[in-house]
């Protein structure tokens, strides 16, 4: 469902630019500023995504550009993920 939403927003000329611009860039800003450091994702600013988490669930969804210039949609959801310390 999330991947379908991302794909439709990407293809929609009315919303594409604003939607993609609102997503944090890997290794640079937002909730993914510390992720994918020293990788192509950061160096070429070719991954934009949004994170979410709860006590036992972690999510990362967005877009990544391949070396060939194609844009891929991804959505990763991990349930029963207890690596995070409790929030204060």
PDB file of N, CA and C in Angstrom:
ATOM      1  N   UNK A   1       0.813  -1.176   0.000  1.00  0.00           N
ATOM      2  CA  UNK A   1       0.000   0.000   0.000  1.00  0.00           C
ATOM      3  C   UNK A   1       0.880   1.273   0.000  1.00  0.00           C
ATOM      4  N   UNK A   2       1.907   1.273   0.814  1.00  0.00           N
ATOM      5  CA  UNK A   2       2.797   2.443   0.869  1.00  0.00           C
ATOM      6  C   UNK A   2       3.541   2.604  -0.458  1.00  0.00           C
ATOM      7  N   UNK A   3       4.025   1.507  -1.002  1.00  0.00           N
ATOM      8  CA  UNK A   3       4.726   1.579  -2.291  1.00  0.00           C
ATOM      9  C   UNK A   3       3.812   2.086  -3.395  1.00  0.00           C
ATOM     10  N   UNK A   4       2.570   1.661  -3.387  1.00  0.00           N
ATOM     11  CA  UNK A   4       1.604   2.125  -4.385  1.00  0.00           C
ATOM     12  C   UNK A   4       1.376   3.627  -4.246  1.00  0.00           C
ATOM     13  N   UNK A   5       1.215   4.095  -3.023  1.00  0.00           N
ATOM     14  CA  UNK A   5       1.048   5.532  -2.788  1.00  0.00           C
ATOM     15  C   UNK A   5       2.261   6.309  -3.292  1.00  0.00           C
ATOM     16  N   UNK A   6       3.465   5.841  -2.954  1.00  0.00           N
ATOM     17  CA  UNK A   6       4.686   6.516  -3.399  1.00  0.00           C
ATOM     18  C   UNK A   6       4.782   6.532  -4.930  1.00  0.00           C
ATOM     19  N   UNK A   7       4.447   5.421  -5.556  1.00  0.00           N
ATOM     20  CA  UNK A   7       4.508   5.352  -7.012  1.00  0.00           C
ATOM     21  C   UNK A   7       3.524   6.333  -7.650  1.00  0.00           C
ATOM     22  N   UNK A   8       2.331   6.398  -7.126  1.00  0.00           N
ATOM     23  CA  UNK A   8       1.324   7.307  -7.697  1.00  0.00           C
ATOM     24  C   UNK A   8       1.699   8.773  -7.483  1.00  0.00           C
ATOM     25  N   UNK A   9       2.233   9.101  -6.333  1.00  0.00           N
ATOM     26  CA  UNK A   9       2.656  10.487  -6.089  1.00  0.00           C
ATOM     27  C   UNK A   9       3.804  10.865  -7.022  1.00  0.00           C
ATOM     28  N   UNK A  10       4.707   9.930  -7.269  1.00  0.00           N
ATOM     29  CA  UNK A  10       5.840  10.196  -8.147  1.00  0.00           C
ATOM     30  C   UNK A  10       5.381  10.466  -9.577  1.00  0.00           C
ATOM     31  N   UNK A  11       4.358   9.746 -10.016  1.00  0.00           N
ATOM     32  CA  UNK A  11       3.872   9.881 -11.396  1.00  0.00           C
ATOM     33  C   UNK A  11       2.878  11.020 -11.578  1.00  0.00           C
ATOM     34  N   UNK A  12       2.403  11.605 -10.505  1.00  0.00           N
ATOM     35  CA  UNK A  12       1.398  12.662 -10.586  1.00  0.00           C
ATOM     36  C   UNK A  12       2.076  14.018 -10.821  1.00  0.00           C
ATOM     37  N   UNK A  13       1.906  14.617 -12.002  1.00  0.00           N
ATOM     38  CA  UNK A  13       2.595  15.875 -12.290  1.00  0.00           C
ATOM     39  C   UNK A  13       2.179  17.025 -11.372  1.00  0.00           C
ATOM     40  N   UNK A  14       0.991  16.953 -10.795  1.00  0.00           N
ATOM     41  CA  UNK A  14       0.532  18.027  -9.900  1.00  0.00           C
ATOM     42  C   UNK A  14       1.228  17.981  -8.543  1.00  0.00           C
ATOM     43  N   UNK A  15       1.642  16.804  -8.095  1.00  0.00           N
ATOM     44  CA  UNK A  15       2.173  16.670  -6.742  1.00  0.00           C
ATOM     45  C   UNK A  15       3.628  16.223  -6.666  1.00  0.00           C
ATOM     46  N   UNK A  16       4.162  15.723  -7.750  1.00  0.00           N
ATOM     47  CA  UNK A  16       5.503  15.132  -7.745  1.00  0.00           C
ATOM     48  C   UNK A  16       6.563  16.016  -7.090  1.00  0.00           C
ATOM     49  N   UNK A  17       6.757  17.210  -7.606  1.00  0.00           N
ATOM     50  CA  UNK A  17       7.861  18.059  -7.144  1.00  0.00           C
ATOM     51  C   UNK A  17       7.765  18.384  -5.657  1.00  0.00           C
ATOM     52  N   UNK A  18       6.606  18.805  -5.207  1.00  0.00           N
ATOM     53  CA  UNK A  18       6.450  19.169  -3.799  1.00  0.00           C
ATOM     54  C   UNK A  18       6.582  17.949  -2.890  1.00  0.00           C
ATOM     55  N   UNK A  19       6.043  16.826  -3.311  1.00  0.00           N
ATOM     56  CA  UNK A  19       6.093  15.622  -2.486  1.00  0.00           C
ATOM     57  C   UNK A  19       7.525  15.124  -2.319  1.00  0.00           C
ATOM     58  N   UNK A  20       8.238  14.989  -3.411  1.00  0.00           N
ATOM     59  CA  UNK A  20       9.622  14.486  -3.353  1.00  0.00           C
ATOM     60  C   UNK A  20      10.516  15.475  -2.606  1.00  0.00           C
ATOM     61  N   UNK A  21      10.309  16.764  -2.807  1.00  0.00           N
ATOM     62  CA  UNK A  21      11.120  17.780  -2.119  1.00  0.00           C
ATOM     63  C   UNK A  21      10.900  17.768  -0.608  1.00  0.00           C
ATOM     64  N   UNK A  22       9.765  17.279  -0.168  1.00  0.00           N
ATOM     65  CA  UNK A  22       9.466  17.242   1.270  1.00  0.00           C
ATOM     66  C   UNK A  22      10.150  16.083   1.986  1.00  0.00           C
ATOM     67  N   UNK A  23      10.704  15.136   1.242  1.00  0.00           N
ATOM     68  CA  UNK A  23      11.348  13.978   1.863  1.00  0.00           C
ATOM     69  C   UNK A  23      12.809  14.280   2.201  1.00  0.00           C
ATOM     70  N   UNK A  24      13.271  13.835   3.363  1.00  0.00           N
ATOM     71  CA  UNK A  24      14.674  14.041   3.741  1.00  0.00           C
ATOM     72  C   UNK A  24      15.629  13.299   2.793  1.00  0.00           C
ATOM     73  N   UNK A  25      16.807  13.853   2.611  1.00  0.00           N
ATOM     74  CA  UNK A  25      17.844  13.255   1.768  1.00  0.00           C
ATOM     75  C   UNK A  25      18.749  12.402   2.647  1.00  0.00           C
ATOM     76  N   UNK A  26      19.027  11.193   2.194  1.00  0.00           N
ATOM     77  CA  UNK A  26      19.869  10.268   2.954  1.00  0.00           C
ATOM     78  C   UNK A  26      21.216  10.894   3.284  1.00  0.00           C
ATOM     79  N   UNK A  27      21.610  10.787   4.555  1.00  0.00           N
ATOM     80  CA  UNK A  27      22.898  11.280   5.002  1.00  0.00           C
ATOM     81  C   UNK A  27      22.994  12.779   5.148  1.00  0.00           C
ATOM     82  N   UNK A  28      21.913  13.507   4.880  1.00  0.00           N
ATOM     83  CA  UNK A  28      21.991  14.968   4.900  1.00  0.00           C
ATOM     84  C   UNK A  28      21.009  15.634   5.857  1.00  0.00           C
ATOM     85  N   UNK A  29      19.741  15.222   5.854  1.00  0.00           N
ATOM     86  CA  UNK A  29      18.795  15.934   6.708  1.00  0.00           C
ATOM     87  C   UNK A  29      17.668  15.030   7.204  1.00  0.00           C
ATOM     88  N   UNK A  30      16.889  15.587   8.085  1.00  0.00           N
ATOM     89  CA  UNK A  30      15.745  14.872   8.625  1.00  0.00           C
ATOM     90  C   UNK A  30      16.105  13.636   9.415  1.00  0.00           C
ATOM     91  N   UNK A  31      15.165  12.715   9.446  1.00  0.00           N
ATOM     92  CA  UNK A  31      15.343  11.507  10.250  1.00  0.00           C
ATOM     93  C   UNK A  31      16.331  10.525   9.641  1.00  0.00           C
ATOM     94  N   UNK A  32      16.786  10.779   8.424  1.00  0.00           N
ATOM     95  CA  UNK A  32      17.792   9.889   7.832  1.00  0.00           C
ATOM     96  C   UNK A  32      19.149  10.590   7.677  1.00  0.00           C
ATOM     97  N   UNK A  33      19.365  11.632   8.445  1.00  0.00           N
ATOM     98  CA  UNK A  33      20.628  12.381   8.347  1.00  0.00           C
ATOM     99  C   UNK A  33      21.831  11.555   8.790  1.00  0.00           C
ATOM    100  N   UNK A  34      21.625  10.552   9.619  1.00  0.00           N
ATOM    101  CA  UNK A  34      22.748   9.717  10.070  1.00  0.00           C
ATOM    102  C   UNK A  34      22.798   8.376   9.354  1.00  0.00           C
ATOM    103  N   UNK A  35      21.890   8.151   8.449  1.00  0.00           N
ATOM    104  CA  UNK A  35      21.851   6.877   7.722  1.00  0.00           C
ATOM    105  C   UNK A  35      22.505   7.009   6.362  1.00  0.00           C
ATOM    106  N   UNK A  36      23.080   5.928   5.890  1.00  0.00           N
ATOM    107  CA  UNK A  36      23.675   5.828   4.552  1.00  0.00           C
ATOM    108  C   UNK A  36      24.824   6.806   4.348  1.00  0.00           C
ATOM    109  N   UNK A  37      25.521   7.149   5.430  1.00  0.00           N
ATOM    110  CA  UNK A  37      26.685   8.034   5.342  1.00  0.00           C
ATOM    111  C   UNK A  37      27.787   7.356   4.530  1.00  0.00           C
ATOM    112  N   UNK A  38      28.510   8.152   3.786  1.00  0.00           N
ATOM    113  CA  UNK A  38      29.647   7.688   2.980  1.00  0.00           C
ATOM    114  C   UNK A  38      29.249   6.605   1.976  1.00  0.00           C
ATOM    115  N   UNK A  39      28.069   6.732   1.415  1.00  0.00           N
ATOM    116  CA  UNK A  39      27.609   5.827   0.361  1.00  0.00           C
ATOM    117  C   UNK A  39      27.167   6.674  -0.824  1.00  0.00           C
ATOM    118  N   UNK A  40      26.857   6.037  -1.941  1.00  0.00           N
ATOM    119  CA  UNK A  40      26.338   6.760  -3.104  1.00  0.00           C
ATOM    120  C   UNK A  40      25.055   7.487  -2.755  1.00  0.00           C
ATOM    121  N   UNK A  41      24.279   6.917  -1.843  1.00  0.00           N
ATOM    122  CA  UNK A  41      23.018   7.559  -1.462  1.00  0.00           C
ATOM    123  C   UNK A  41      23.263   8.968  -0.937  1.00  0.00           C
ATOM    124  N   UNK A  42      24.291   9.137  -0.121  1.00  0.00           N
ATOM    125  CA  UNK A  42      24.606  10.464   0.424  1.00  0.00           C
ATOM    126  C   UNK A  42      25.377  11.303  -0.590  1.00  0.00           C
ATOM    127  N   UNK A  43      26.419  10.727  -1.173  1.00  0.00           N
ATOM    128  CA  UNK A  43      27.311  11.485  -2.049  1.00  0.00           C
ATOM    129  C   UNK A  43      26.578  12.079  -3.255  1.00  0.00           C
ATOM    130  N   UNK A  44      25.638  11.348  -3.804  1.00  0.00           N
ATOM    131  CA  UNK A  44      24.935  11.820  -4.990  1.00  0.00           C
ATOM    132  C   UNK A  44      23.516  12.271  -4.680  1.00  0.00           C
ATOM    133  N   UNK A  45      23.168  12.302  -3.391  1.00  0.00           N
ATOM    134  CA  UNK A  45      21.822  12.704  -2.946  1.00  0.00           C
ATOM    135  C   UNK A  45      20.754  11.977  -3.751  1.00  0.00           C
ATOM    136  N   UNK A  46      20.964  10.673  -3.954  1.00  0.00           N
ATOM    137  CA  UNK A  46      20.028   9.926  -4.793  1.00  0.00           C
ATOM    138  C   UNK A  46      19.046   9.062  -4.007  1.00  0.00           C
ATOM    139  N   UNK A  47      18.978   9.233  -2.704  1.00  0.00           N
ATOM    140  CA  UNK A  47      17.973   8.516  -1.910  1.00  0.00           C
ATOM    141  C   UNK A  47      17.239   9.525  -1.033  1.00  0.00           C
ATOM    142  N   UNK A  48      15.932   9.517  -1.138  1.00  0.00           N
ATOM    143  CA  UNK A  48      15.088  10.350  -0.276  1.00  0.00           C
ATOM    144  C   UNK A  48      14.058   9.427   0.356  1.00  0.00           C
ATOM    145  N   UNK A  49      13.840   9.613   1.657  1.00  0.00           N
ATOM    146  CA  UNK A  49      12.945   8.678   2.342  1.00  0.00           C
ATOM    147  C   UNK A  49      12.449   9.262   3.654  1.00  0.00           C
ATOM    148  N   UNK A  50      11.439   8.619   4.171  1.00  0.00           N
ATOM    149  CA  UNK A  50      10.870   8.996   5.463  1.00  0.00           C
ATOM    150  C   UNK A  50      10.912   7.779   6.369  1.00  0.00           C
ATOM    151  N   UNK A  51      11.256   8.017   7.610  1.00  0.00           N
ATOM    152  CA  UNK A  51      11.281   6.941   8.594  1.00  0.00           C
ATOM    153  C   UNK A  51      10.089   7.075   9.524  1.00  0.00           C
ATOM    154  N   UNK A  52       9.823   5.998  10.204  1.00  0.00           N
ATOM    155  CA  UNK A  52       8.822   5.990  11.268  1.00  0.00           C
ATOM    156  C   UNK A  52       9.174   4.841  12.193  1.00  0.00           C
ATOM    157  N   UNK A  53       8.827   4.992  13.448  1.00  0.00           N
ATOM    158  CA  UNK A  53       9.100   3.894  14.366  1.00  0.00           C
ATOM    159  C   UNK A  53       8.149   3.950  15.546  1.00  0.00           C
ATOM    160  N   UNK A  54       7.968   2.807  16.116  1.00  0.00           N
ATOM    161  CA  UNK A  54       7.232   2.681  17.365  1.00  0.00           C
ATOM    162  C   UNK A  54       8.082   1.775  18.251  1.00  0.00           C
ATOM    163  N   UNK A  55       7.555   1.340  19.346  1.00  0.00           N
ATOM    164  CA  UNK A  55       8.366   0.505  20.247  1.00  0.00           C
ATOM    165  C   UNK A  55       8.872  -0.773  19.585  1.00  0.00           C
ATOM    166  N   UNK A  56       8.093  -1.358  18.702  1.00  0.00           N
ATOM    167  CA  UNK A  56       8.501  -2.637  18.111  1.00  0.00           C
ATOM    168  C   UNK A  56       8.431  -2.665  16.588  1.00  0.00           C
ATOM    169  N   UNK A  57       8.334  -1.518  15.957  1.00  0.00           N
ATOM    170  CA  UNK A  57       8.211  -1.484  14.499  1.00  0.00           C
ATOM    171  C   UNK A  57       9.097  -0.369  13.939  1.00  0.00           C
ATOM    172  N   UNK A  58       9.813  -0.680  12.866  1.00  0.00           N
ATOM    173  CA  UNK A  58      10.644   0.313  12.187  1.00  0.00           C
ATOM    174  C   UNK A  58      10.248   0.343  10.719  1.00  0.00           C
ATOM    175  N   UNK A  59      10.203   1.559  10.134  1.00  0.00           N
ATOM    176  CA  UNK A  59       9.793   1.718   8.738  1.00  0.00           C
ATOM    177  C   UNK A  59      10.702   2.707   8.021  1.00  0.00           C
ATOM    178  N   UNK A  60      10.967   2.424   6.762  1.00  0.00           N
ATOM    179  CA  UNK A  60      11.733   3.321   5.902  1.00  0.00           C
ATOM    180  C   UNK A  60      11.150   3.193   4.502  1.00  0.00           C
ATOM    181  N   UNK A  61      10.654   4.299   3.959  1.00  0.00           N
ATOM    182  CA  UNK A  61      10.017   4.273   2.643  1.00  0.00           C
ATOM    183  C   UNK A  61      10.426   5.506   1.857  1.00  0.00           C
ATOM    184  N   UNK A  62      10.628   5.332   0.559  1.00  0.00           N
ATOM    185  CA  UNK A  62      10.987   6.475  -0.266  1.00  0.00           C
ATOM    186  C   UNK A  62      11.407   6.080  -1.665  1.00  0.00           C
ATOM    187  N   UNK A  63      12.349   6.856  -2.209  1.00  0.00           N
ATOM    188  CA  UNK A  63      12.815   6.679  -3.579  1.00  0.00           C
ATOM    189  C   UNK A  63      14.336   6.622  -3.609  1.00  0.00           C
ATOM    190  N   UNK A  64      14.854   5.842  -4.538  1.00  0.00           N
ATOM    191  CA  UNK A  64      16.295   5.804  -4.763  1.00  0.00           C
ATOM    192  C   UNK A  64      16.527   5.768  -6.273  1.00  0.00           C
ATOM    193  N   UNK A  65      17.566   6.477  -6.719  1.00  0.00           N
ATOM    194  CA  UNK A  65      17.912   6.525  -8.141  1.00  0.00           C
ATOM    195  C   UNK A  65      19.067   5.556  -8.388  1.00  0.00           C
ATOM    196  N   UNK A  66      18.927   4.711  -9.404  1.00  0.00           N
ATOM    197  CA  UNK A  66      19.963   3.734  -9.740  1.00  0.00           C
ATOM    198  C   UNK A  66      21.085   4.401 -10.528  1.00  0.00           C
ATOM    199  N   UNK A  67      22.153   3.677 -10.743  1.00  0.00           N
ATOM    200  CA  UNK A  67      23.268   4.210 -11.543  1.00  0.00           C
ATOM    201  C   UNK A  67      22.840   4.507 -12.977  1.00  0.00           C
ATOM    202  N   UNK A  68      21.833   3.790 -13.444  1.00  0.00           N
ATOM    203  CA  UNK A  68      21.322   4.018 -14.799  1.00  0.00           C
ATOM    204  C   UNK A  68      20.345   5.177 -14.867  1.00  0.00           C
ATOM    205  N   UNK A  69      20.034   5.792 -13.715  1.00  0.00           N
ATOM    206  CA  UNK A  69      19.128   6.929 -13.697  1.00  0.00           C
ATOM    207  C   UNK A  69      17.662   6.587 -13.494  1.00  0.00           C
ATOM    208  N   UNK A  70      17.367   5.317 -13.298  1.00  0.00           N
ATOM    209  CA  UNK A  70      15.986   4.917 -13.029  1.00  0.00           C
ATOM    210  C   UNK A  70      15.651   5.208 -11.565  1.00  0.00           C
ATOM    211  N   UNK A  71      14.413   5.554 -11.301  1.00  0.00           N
ATOM    212  CA  UNK A  71      13.963   5.789  -9.932  1.00  0.00           C
ATOM    213  C   UNK A  71      13.178   4.576  -9.450  1.00  0.00           C
ATOM    214  N   UNK A  72      13.550   4.067  -8.283  1.00  0.00           N
ATOM    215  CA  UNK A  72      12.871   2.934  -7.674  1.00  0.00           C
ATOM    216  C   UNK A  72      12.144   3.389  -6.421  1.00  0.00           C
ATOM    217  N   UNK A  73      10.998   2.787  -6.177  1.00  0.00           N
ATOM    218  CA  UNK A  73      10.240   3.016  -4.951  1.00  0.00           C
ATOM    219  C   UNK A  73      10.580   1.883  -3.999  1.00  0.00           C
ATOM    220  N   UNK A  74      10.751   2.201  -2.708  1.00  0.00           N
ATOM    221  CA  UNK A  74      10.953   1.131  -1.730  1.00  0.00           C
ATOM    222  C   UNK A  74      10.176   1.434  -0.464  1.00  0.00           C
ATOM    223  N   UNK A  75       9.811   0.374   0.218  1.00  0.00           N
ATOM    224  CA  UNK A  75       9.137   0.496   1.501  1.00  0.00           C
ATOM    225  C   UNK A  75       9.497  -0.725   2.332  1.00  0.00           C
ATOM    226  N   UNK A  76      10.183  -0.482   3.433  1.00  0.00           N
ATOM    227  CA  UNK A  76      10.639  -1.555   4.311  1.00  0.00           C
ATOM    228  C   UNK A  76       9.956  -1.381   5.659  1.00  0.00           C
ATOM    229  N   UNK A  77       9.277  -2.410   6.098  1.00  0.00           N
ATOM    230  CA  UNK A  77       8.606  -2.384   7.398  1.00  0.00           C
ATOM    231  C   UNK A  77       9.081  -3.598   8.189  1.00  0.00           C
ATOM    232  N   UNK A  78       9.593  -3.381   9.377  1.00  0.00           N
ATOM    233  CA  UNK A  78      10.072  -4.474  10.223  1.00  0.00           C
ATOM    234  C   UNK A  78       9.254  -4.509  11.509  1.00  0.00           C
ATOM    235  N   UNK A  79       8.491  -5.577  11.684  1.00  0.00           N
ATOM    236  CA  UNK A  79       7.705  -5.762  12.898  1.00  0.00           C
ATOM    237  C   UNK A  79       8.513  -6.537  13.930  1.00  0.00           C
ATOM    238  N   UNK A  80       8.116  -6.425  15.180  1.00  0.00           N
ATOM    239  CA  UNK A  80       8.813  -7.083  16.294  1.00  0.00           C
ATOM    240  C   UNK A  80      10.292  -6.704  16.308  1.00  0.00           C
ATOM    241  N   UNK A  81      10.528  -5.455  16.048  1.00  0.00           N
ATOM    242  CA  UNK A  81      11.873  -4.899  15.964  1.00  0.00           C
ATOM    243  C   UNK A  81      12.141  -4.182  17.281  1.00  0.00           C
ATOM    244  N   UNK A  82      12.859  -4.803  18.177  1.00  0.00           N
ATOM    245  CA  UNK A  82      13.033  -4.230  19.512  1.00  0.00           C
ATOM    246  C   UNK A  82      14.432  -3.682  19.747  1.00  0.00           C
ATOM    247  N   UNK A  83      15.080  -3.213  18.719  1.00  0.00           N
ATOM    248  CA  UNK A  83      16.428  -2.666  18.851  1.00  0.00           C
ATOM    249  C   UNK A  83      16.443  -1.263  19.453  1.00  0.00           C
ATOM    250  N   UNK A  84      15.340  -0.549  19.336  1.00  0.00           N
ATOM    251  CA  UNK A  84      15.284   0.820  19.827  1.00  0.00           C
ATOM    252  C   UNK A  84      15.154   0.872  21.348  1.00  0.00           C
ATOM    253  N   UNK A  85      15.857   1.788  21.977  1.00  0.00           N
ATOM    254  CA  UNK A  85      15.630   1.983  23.421  1.00  0.00           C
ATOM    255  C   UNK A  85      14.285   2.667  23.632  1.00  0.00           C
ATOM    256  N   UNK A  86      13.702   2.527  24.789  1.00  0.00           N
ATOM    257  CA  UNK A  86      12.416   3.203  25.041  1.00  0.00           C
ATOM    258  C   UNK A  86      12.562   4.717  24.925  1.00  0.00           C
ATOM    259  N   UNK A  87      11.532   5.368  24.414  1.00  0.00           N
ATOM    260  CA  UNK A  87      11.537   6.837  24.318  1.00  0.00           C
ATOM    261  C   UNK A  87      11.304   7.426  25.696  1.00  0.00           C
ATOM    262  N   UNK A  88      11.859   8.592  25.907  1.00  0.00           N
ATOM    263  CA  UNK A  88      11.696   9.259  27.205  1.00  0.00           C
ATOM    264  C   UNK A  88      10.714  10.379  27.112  1.00  0.00           C
TER     265      UNK A  88
END
